[in-house]
Amino acid sequence: MKPFLVYDKHGKILRSGICQDSTFYRQAHDGEFVMEGIADDTTQKIDNAGLKGKIVNKTSEEIEAEKSKEKPCEKWPAHITNEQWQSVLKRLDKLEAR
């Protein structure tokens, strides 16, 4: 098993996880890069993106800029129909019955 980081050409960490050695290079899609490692995407990025990357800390300005772009989930409105809600409740009932 191998820890991986998937990142874009700007060094932004898109995904991370652990995979089998045989599937390591399949973690990245078109326009993405993969490297072995563990990082915190909120405070770190990949330097020299696209080449042999190196995990580096983001500047406080970069962290603040990303925070200002985020919207808290509790402020996002949820629009579902009654039929969708009933479907969710039925699935929850099935899970509880297990």
N, C-alpha and C. Protein backbone atom coordinates (compact mmCIF):
# COMPACT_ATOMS: atom_id res chain seq x y z
N MET A 1 0.84 -1.17 0.00
CA MET A 1 0.00 0.00 0.00
C MET A 1 0.89 1.24 0.00
N LYS A 2 0.39 2.26 -0.69
CA LYS A 2 1.20 3.45 -0.89
C LYS A 2 0.33 4.70 -0.70
N PRO A 3 0.77 5.67 0.14
CA PRO A 3 0.01 6.92 0.26
C PRO A 3 0.24 7.77 -0.98
N PHE A 4 -0.82 8.42 -1.48
CA PHE A 4 -0.67 9.22 -2.68
C PHE A 4 -1.32 10.59 -2.54
N LEU A 5 -0.84 11.51 -3.37
CA LEU A 5 -1.40 12.85 -3.50
C LEU A 5 -1.63 13.10 -4.98
N VAL A 6 -2.81 13.55 -5.34
CA VAL A 6 -3.10 13.95 -6.71
C VAL A 6 -3.20 15.46 -6.70
N TYR A 7 -2.50 16.10 -7.66
CA TYR A 7 -2.47 17.56 -7.69
C TYR A 7 -2.52 18.06 -9.12
N ASP A 8 -2.83 19.36 -9.27
CA ASP A 8 -2.91 19.94 -10.61
C ASP A 8 -1.64 20.71 -10.94
N LYS A 9 -1.61 21.32 -12.13
CA LYS A 9 -0.40 22.02 -12.58
C LYS A 9 -0.07 23.25 -11.75
N HIS A 10 -1.03 23.71 -10.93
CA HIS A 10 -0.79 24.86 -10.06
C HIS A 10 -0.30 24.44 -8.67
N GLY A 11 -0.25 23.13 -8.43
CA GLY A 11 0.21 22.63 -7.14
C GLY A 11 -0.90 22.42 -6.14
N LYS A 12 -2.15 22.61 -6.54
CA LYS A 12 -3.28 22.41 -5.64
C LYS A 12 -3.52 20.92 -5.45
N ILE A 13 -3.58 20.48 -4.21
CA ILE A 13 -3.85 19.07 -3.91
C ILE A 13 -5.34 18.82 -4.11
N LEU A 14 -5.64 17.90 -5.01
CA LEU A 14 -7.03 17.61 -5.36
C LEU A 14 -7.59 16.43 -4.57
N ARG A 15 -6.77 15.40 -4.38
CA ARG A 15 -7.19 14.19 -3.67
C ARG A 15 -5.98 13.58 -2.99
N SER A 16 -6.28 12.78 -1.97
CA SER A 16 -5.21 12.02 -1.32
C SER A 16 -5.81 10.72 -0.80
N GLY A 17 -4.95 9.77 -0.52
CA GLY A 17 -5.44 8.50 -0.01
C GLY A 17 -4.34 7.46 0.01
N ILE A 18 -4.77 6.22 0.09
CA ILE A 18 -3.84 5.08 0.08
C ILE A 18 -4.34 4.11 -0.97
N CYS A 19 -3.43 3.58 -1.77
CA CYS A 19 -3.81 2.64 -2.82
C CYS A 19 -2.78 1.52 -2.91
N GLN A 20 -3.14 0.51 -3.67
CA GLN A 20 -2.20 -0.56 -3.93
C GLN A 20 -1.12 -0.04 -4.88
N ASP A 21 0.06 -0.58 -4.77
CA ASP A 21 1.16 -0.16 -5.64
C ASP A 21 0.77 -0.26 -7.12
N SER A 22 0.02 -1.29 -7.47
CA SER A 22 -0.34 -1.52 -8.87
C SER A 22 -1.31 -0.48 -9.42
N THR A 23 -2.03 0.23 -8.56
CA THR A 23 -3.00 1.22 -9.04
C THR A 23 -2.53 2.65 -8.80
N PHE A 24 -1.30 2.82 -8.37
CA PHE A 24 -0.78 4.15 -8.01
C PHE A 24 -0.94 5.15 -9.14
N TYR A 25 -0.48 4.83 -10.34
CA TYR A 25 -0.50 5.78 -11.44
C TYR A 25 -1.89 5.99 -12.03
N ARG A 26 -2.84 5.14 -11.67
CA ARG A 26 -4.22 5.31 -12.13
C ARG A 26 -4.99 6.32 -11.29
N GLN A 27 -4.41 6.82 -10.22
CA GLN A 27 -5.11 7.77 -9.35
C GLN A 27 -5.28 9.13 -10.02
N ALA A 28 -4.36 9.50 -10.90
CA ALA A 28 -4.42 10.80 -11.57
C ALA A 28 -5.17 10.68 -12.89
N HIS A 29 -6.00 11.67 -13.18
CA HIS A 29 -6.73 11.73 -14.45
C HIS A 29 -6.01 12.69 -15.38
N ASP A 30 -6.58 12.95 -16.55
CA ASP A 30 -5.97 13.87 -17.51
C ASP A 30 -5.72 15.23 -16.86
N GLY A 31 -4.53 15.77 -17.06
CA GLY A 31 -4.19 17.08 -16.53
C GLY A 31 -3.84 17.07 -15.06
N GLU A 32 -3.74 15.90 -14.47
CA GLU A 32 -3.40 15.77 -13.05
C GLU A 32 -2.09 15.00 -12.92
N PHE A 33 -1.49 15.12 -11.75
CA PHE A 33 -0.24 14.45 -11.45
C PHE A 33 -0.39 13.71 -10.13
N VAL A 34 0.37 12.64 -9.96
CA VAL A 34 0.32 11.88 -8.71
C VAL A 34 1.74 11.74 -8.17
N MET A 35 1.84 11.80 -6.86
CA MET A 35 3.12 11.56 -6.20
C MET A 35 2.85 10.82 -4.90
N GLU A 36 3.87 10.17 -4.42
CA GLU A 36 3.75 9.46 -3.15
C GLU A 36 3.94 10.46 -2.02
N GLY A 37 3.08 10.38 -1.01
CA GLY A 37 3.24 11.26 0.13
C GLY A 37 1.95 11.48 0.89
N ILE A 38 2.08 12.21 1.99
CA ILE A 38 0.96 12.57 2.86
C ILE A 38 1.06 14.07 3.10
N ALA A 39 -0.06 14.77 2.92
CA ALA A 39 -0.06 16.22 3.11
C ALA A 39 -1.45 16.67 3.55
N ASP A 40 -1.52 17.88 4.07
CA ASP A 40 -2.77 18.51 4.47
C ASP A 40 -3.09 19.57 3.43
N ASP A 41 -4.14 19.34 2.64
CA ASP A 41 -4.44 20.25 1.54
C ASP A 41 -4.87 21.64 1.99
N THR A 42 -5.24 21.81 3.26
CA THR A 42 -5.62 23.14 3.74
C THR A 42 -4.40 24.00 4.06
N THR A 43 -3.28 23.37 4.35
CA THR A 43 -2.09 24.14 4.73
C THR A 43 -0.87 23.88 3.85
N GLN A 44 -1.00 22.92 2.94
CA GLN A 44 0.15 22.57 2.11
C GLN A 44 -0.24 22.50 0.63
N LYS A 45 0.77 22.56 -0.22
CA LYS A 45 0.60 22.47 -1.67
C LYS A 45 1.82 21.76 -2.23
N ILE A 46 1.83 21.55 -3.55
CA ILE A 46 2.95 20.91 -4.20
C ILE A 46 3.72 21.98 -4.97
N ASP A 47 4.99 22.12 -4.68
CA ASP A 47 5.85 23.06 -5.39
C ASP A 47 6.40 22.36 -6.63
N ASN A 48 6.70 23.11 -7.65
CA ASN A 48 7.17 22.56 -8.93
C ASN A 48 6.14 21.62 -9.52
N ALA A 49 4.87 22.04 -9.45
CA ALA A 49 3.79 21.19 -9.94
C ALA A 49 4.04 20.79 -11.39
N GLY A 50 3.72 19.56 -11.69
CA GLY A 50 3.90 19.02 -13.03
C GLY A 50 5.24 18.34 -13.19
N LEU A 51 6.19 18.70 -12.38
CA LEU A 51 7.49 18.03 -12.39
C LEU A 51 7.55 17.14 -11.18
N LYS A 52 8.72 16.80 -10.73
CA LYS A 52 8.81 16.04 -9.49
C LYS A 52 8.48 16.99 -8.36
N GLY A 53 7.27 16.92 -7.89
CA GLY A 53 6.77 17.85 -6.89
C GLY A 53 7.36 17.65 -5.51
N LYS A 54 7.25 18.70 -4.74
CA LYS A 54 7.73 18.69 -3.36
C LYS A 54 6.64 19.32 -2.51
N ILE A 55 6.32 18.72 -1.38
CA ILE A 55 5.30 19.25 -0.48
C ILE A 55 5.88 20.44 0.27
N VAL A 56 5.18 21.58 0.18
CA VAL A 56 5.61 22.79 0.88
C VAL A 56 4.40 23.40 1.60
N ASN A 57 4.66 24.23 2.58
CA ASN A 57 3.60 24.91 3.30
C ASN A 57 3.10 26.10 2.49
N LYS A 58 1.79 26.32 2.52
CA LYS A 58 1.21 27.49 1.88
C LYS A 58 1.54 28.71 2.74
N THR A 59 1.59 29.87 2.11
CA THR A 59 1.77 31.10 2.87
C THR A 59 0.46 31.43 3.57
N SER A 60 0.52 32.26 4.60
CA SER A 60 -0.70 32.64 5.31
C SER A 60 -1.65 33.38 4.37
N GLU A 61 -1.10 34.10 3.41
CA GLU A 61 -1.94 34.81 2.43
C GLU A 61 -2.71 33.82 1.55
N GLU A 62 -2.04 32.75 1.14
CA GLU A 62 -2.70 31.73 0.32
C GLU A 62 -3.83 31.05 1.09
N ILE A 63 -3.56 30.75 2.35
CA ILE A 63 -4.57 30.09 3.20
C ILE A 63 -5.78 31.00 3.37
N GLU A 64 -5.55 32.27 3.66
CA GLU A 64 -6.65 33.22 3.85
C GLU A 64 -7.43 33.43 2.56
N ALA A 65 -6.74 33.47 1.44
CA ALA A 65 -7.42 33.65 0.14
C ALA A 65 -8.34 32.47 -0.14
N GLU A 66 -7.91 31.26 0.18
CA GLU A 66 -8.75 30.08 -0.04
C GLU A 66 -9.94 30.08 0.91
N LYS A 67 -9.73 30.51 2.14
CA LYS A 67 -10.83 30.56 3.11
C LYS A 67 -11.90 31.53 2.65
N SER A 68 -11.50 32.65 2.06
CA SER A 68 -12.48 33.64 1.64
C SER A 68 -13.31 33.14 0.46
N LYS A 69 -12.81 32.16 -0.29
CA LYS A 69 -13.56 31.60 -1.42
C LYS A 69 -14.57 30.55 -0.97
N GLU A 70 -14.36 29.96 0.20
CA GLU A 70 -15.22 28.87 0.68
C GLU A 70 -16.54 29.42 1.19
N LYS A 71 -17.57 28.62 1.00
CA LYS A 71 -18.88 28.93 1.54
C LYS A 71 -19.23 27.83 2.53
N PRO A 72 -19.59 28.19 3.74
CA PRO A 72 -19.98 27.15 4.70
C PRO A 72 -21.19 26.36 4.21
N CYS A 73 -21.15 25.07 4.38
CA CYS A 73 -22.22 24.20 3.90
C CYS A 73 -23.57 24.56 4.50
N GLU A 74 -23.59 25.00 5.76
CA GLU A 74 -24.87 25.29 6.40
C GLU A 74 -25.60 26.47 5.74
N LYS A 75 -24.91 27.24 4.92
CA LYS A 75 -25.55 28.36 4.23
C LYS A 75 -26.07 27.97 2.85
N TRP A 76 -25.76 26.77 2.41
CA TRP A 76 -26.23 26.32 1.10
C TRP A 76 -27.67 25.83 1.24
N PRO A 77 -28.57 26.34 0.44
CA PRO A 77 -29.95 25.87 0.54
C PRO A 77 -30.08 24.46 -0.03
N ALA A 78 -30.95 23.69 0.57
CA ALA A 78 -31.21 22.34 0.08
C ALA A 78 -32.60 22.34 -0.54
N HIS A 79 -32.68 22.00 -1.80
CA HIS A 79 -33.95 21.96 -2.50
C HIS A 79 -34.20 20.53 -2.96
N ILE A 80 -35.06 19.83 -2.23
CA ILE A 80 -35.43 18.48 -2.64
C ILE A 80 -36.95 18.37 -2.60
N THR A 81 -37.45 17.48 -3.40
CA THR A 81 -38.90 17.28 -3.44
C THR A 81 -39.32 16.38 -2.29
N ASN A 82 -40.59 16.36 -2.02
CA ASN A 82 -41.12 15.47 -0.99
C ASN A 82 -40.83 14.01 -1.36
N GLU A 83 -40.93 13.70 -2.64
CA GLU A 83 -40.65 12.34 -3.11
C GLU A 83 -39.20 11.95 -2.82
N GLN A 84 -38.26 12.87 -3.05
CA GLN A 84 -36.84 12.60 -2.76
C GLN A 84 -36.64 12.41 -1.26
N TRP A 85 -37.29 13.23 -0.45
CA TRP A 85 -37.17 13.12 1.00
C TRP A 85 -37.70 11.78 1.49
N GLN A 86 -38.85 11.34 0.95
CA GLN A 86 -39.42 10.06 1.34
C GLN A 86 -38.47 8.92 0.97
N SER A 87 -37.81 9.04 -0.17
CA SER A 87 -36.84 8.03 -0.59
C SER A 87 -35.67 7.96 0.39
N VAL A 88 -35.21 9.10 0.84
CA VAL A 88 -34.11 9.13 1.83
C VAL A 88 -34.56 8.45 3.12
N LEU A 89 -35.75 8.77 3.58
CA LEU A 89 -36.26 8.18 4.82
C LEU A 89 -36.39 6.66 4.71
N LYS A 90 -36.85 6.18 3.55
CA LYS A 90 -36.98 4.73 3.36
C LYS A 90 -35.62 4.04 3.41
N ARG A 91 -34.61 4.68 2.78
CA ARG A 91 -33.26 4.09 2.81
C ARG A 91 -32.70 4.08 4.22
N LEU A 92 -32.99 5.14 4.99
CA LEU A 92 -32.53 5.16 6.39
C LEU A 92 -33.21 4.07 7.21
N ASP A 93 -34.49 3.85 6.98
CA ASP A 93 -35.21 2.77 7.67
C ASP A 93 -34.58 1.42 7.37
N LYS A 94 -34.20 1.20 6.11
CA LYS A 94 -33.56 -0.07 5.73
C LYS A 94 -32.22 -0.23 6.44
N LEU A 95 -31.48 0.85 6.56
CA LEU A 95 -30.19 0.77 7.27
C LEU A 95 -30.37 0.46 8.73
N GLU A 96 -31.38 1.05 9.36
CA GLU A 96 -31.64 0.79 10.78
C GLU A 96 -32.08 -0.64 11.02
N ALA A 97 -32.78 -1.23 10.04
CA ALA A 97 -33.28 -2.59 10.17
C ALA A 97 -32.17 -3.63 10.12
N ARG A 98 -31.03 -3.26 9.57
CA ARG A 98 -29.90 -4.22 9.45
C ARG A 98 -29.34 -4.53 10.76
